[in-house]
Amino acid sequence: MIPQAAQLLLALVLAAGSSDVGIREVKARHEQSLLSTPGVVSVGIGLAPDGEQAIMVGTSSDPAALRDKLPDTLEGYPVIVQHTGTIKAQ
């Protein structure tokens, strides 16, 4: 039998991990669609200003010009649009 404190700790660890899996799945489901938007050069996972997990979208130009072409949220996660510039593999 597992002590009650250990059960609680295990439940917290599993719950925290499931939210990571959730946002990764959301990113995977929407990544190709986001990247097909002209000017979008990257899609990742990061933190919103409030500290919550967010889908991060990098653009090659002014993000304000793309804001109306991109969603504000995806499946409950905020979408943060940032100018990253062109990304080149090295």
Protein backbone atom coordinates (compact mmCIF):
# COMPACT_ATOMS: atom_id res chain seq x y z
CA MET A 1 0.00 0.00 0.00
CA ILE A 2 1.23 3.51 -0.88
CA PRO A 3 1.13 6.11 1.91
CA GLN A 4 -1.45 8.87 1.39
CA ALA A 5 1.22 11.60 0.99
CA ALA A 6 2.94 9.56 -1.74
CA GLN A 7 -0.40 9.04 -3.51
CA LEU A 8 -1.04 12.78 -3.46
CA LEU A 9 2.44 13.54 -4.78
CA LEU A 10 2.01 10.98 -7.56
CA ALA A 11 -1.36 12.48 -8.50
CA LEU A 12 0.16 15.97 -8.69
CA VAL A 13 3.06 14.78 -10.84
CA LEU A 14 0.72 12.96 -13.21
CA ALA A 15 -1.62 15.95 -13.44
CA ALA A 16 1.27 18.32 -14.21
CA GLY A 17 2.60 15.99 -16.88
CA SER A 18 -0.78 15.62 -18.54
CA SER A 19 -1.03 19.38 -19.16
CA ASP A 20 2.32 19.28 -20.97
CA VAL A 21 1.08 16.40 -23.11
CA GLY A 22 -2.11 18.38 -23.75
CA ILE A 23 -0.38 21.46 -25.14
CA ARG A 24 2.05 19.34 -27.15
CA GLU A 25 -0.90 17.56 -28.75
CA VAL A 26 -2.63 20.87 -29.49
CA LYS A 27 0.57 22.21 -31.06
CA ALA A 28 0.98 19.07 -33.16
CA ARG A 29 -2.63 19.25 -34.39
CA HIS A 30 -2.35 22.90 -35.51
CA GLU A 31 1.32 23.33 -36.44
CA GLN A 32 1.03 22.67 -40.18
CA SER A 33 -1.98 24.96 -40.50
CA LEU A 34 -0.19 27.77 -38.65
CA LEU A 35 3.00 27.31 -40.68
CA SER A 36 1.01 27.49 -43.92
CA THR A 37 0.10 31.10 -43.07
CA PRO A 38 2.41 33.40 -45.09
CA GLY A 39 4.85 35.11 -42.72
CA VAL A 40 4.73 32.43 -40.00
CA VAL A 41 8.18 30.86 -39.59
CA SER A 42 7.92 28.92 -36.33
CA VAL A 43 5.49 27.35 -33.88
CA GLY A 44 6.48 26.40 -30.36
CA ILE A 45 5.38 26.17 -26.75
CA GLY A 46 6.19 28.83 -24.20
CA LEU A 47 4.71 30.93 -21.44
CA ALA A 48 2.20 33.74 -21.77
CA PRO A 49 2.78 36.93 -19.74
CA ASP A 50 0.53 35.51 -17.00
CA GLY A 51 2.77 32.43 -16.69
CA GLU A 52 0.33 30.03 -18.33
CA GLN A 53 1.43 27.72 -21.14
CA ALA A 54 0.89 29.14 -24.62
CA ILE A 55 1.36 28.32 -28.28
CA MET A 56 4.13 30.62 -29.52
CA VAL A 57 4.04 31.70 -33.18
CA GLY A 58 7.13 33.34 -34.70
CA THR A 59 6.79 35.65 -37.70
CA SER A 60 9.25 36.94 -40.27
CA SER A 61 7.64 40.37 -40.31
CA ASP A 62 5.47 42.65 -38.16
CA PRO A 63 3.16 40.39 -36.13
CA ALA A 64 0.40 43.02 -36.17
CA ALA A 65 -0.02 42.43 -39.90
CA LEU A 66 -0.70 38.72 -39.26
CA ARG A 67 -2.73 38.98 -36.07
CA ASP A 68 -6.11 38.89 -37.86
CA LYS A 69 -5.03 35.75 -39.77
CA LEU A 70 -4.12 33.82 -36.60
CA PRO A 71 -6.35 32.60 -33.77
CA ASP A 72 -6.26 34.19 -30.32
CA THR A 73 -6.50 30.74 -28.72
CA LEU A 74 -6.19 27.11 -29.76
CA GLU A 75 -8.20 24.60 -27.76
CA GLY A 76 -8.06 26.83 -24.70
CA TYR A 77 -4.37 27.77 -24.93
CA PRO A 78 -3.46 31.38 -25.76
CA VAL A 79 -1.60 32.04 -29.01
CA ILE A 80 1.27 34.51 -28.59
CA VAL A 81 2.56 36.03 -31.84
CA GLN A 82 6.13 37.41 -31.85
CA HIS A 83 8.46 38.79 -34.52
CA THR A 84 11.41 36.40 -34.73
CA GLY A 85 12.68 37.28 -38.18
CA THR A 86 13.59 34.74 -40.81
CA ILE A 87 14.91 31.47 -39.40
CA LYS A 88 17.73 29.73 -41.27
CA ALA A 89 19.09 26.27 -40.56
CA GLN A 90 22.83 26.18 -39.91
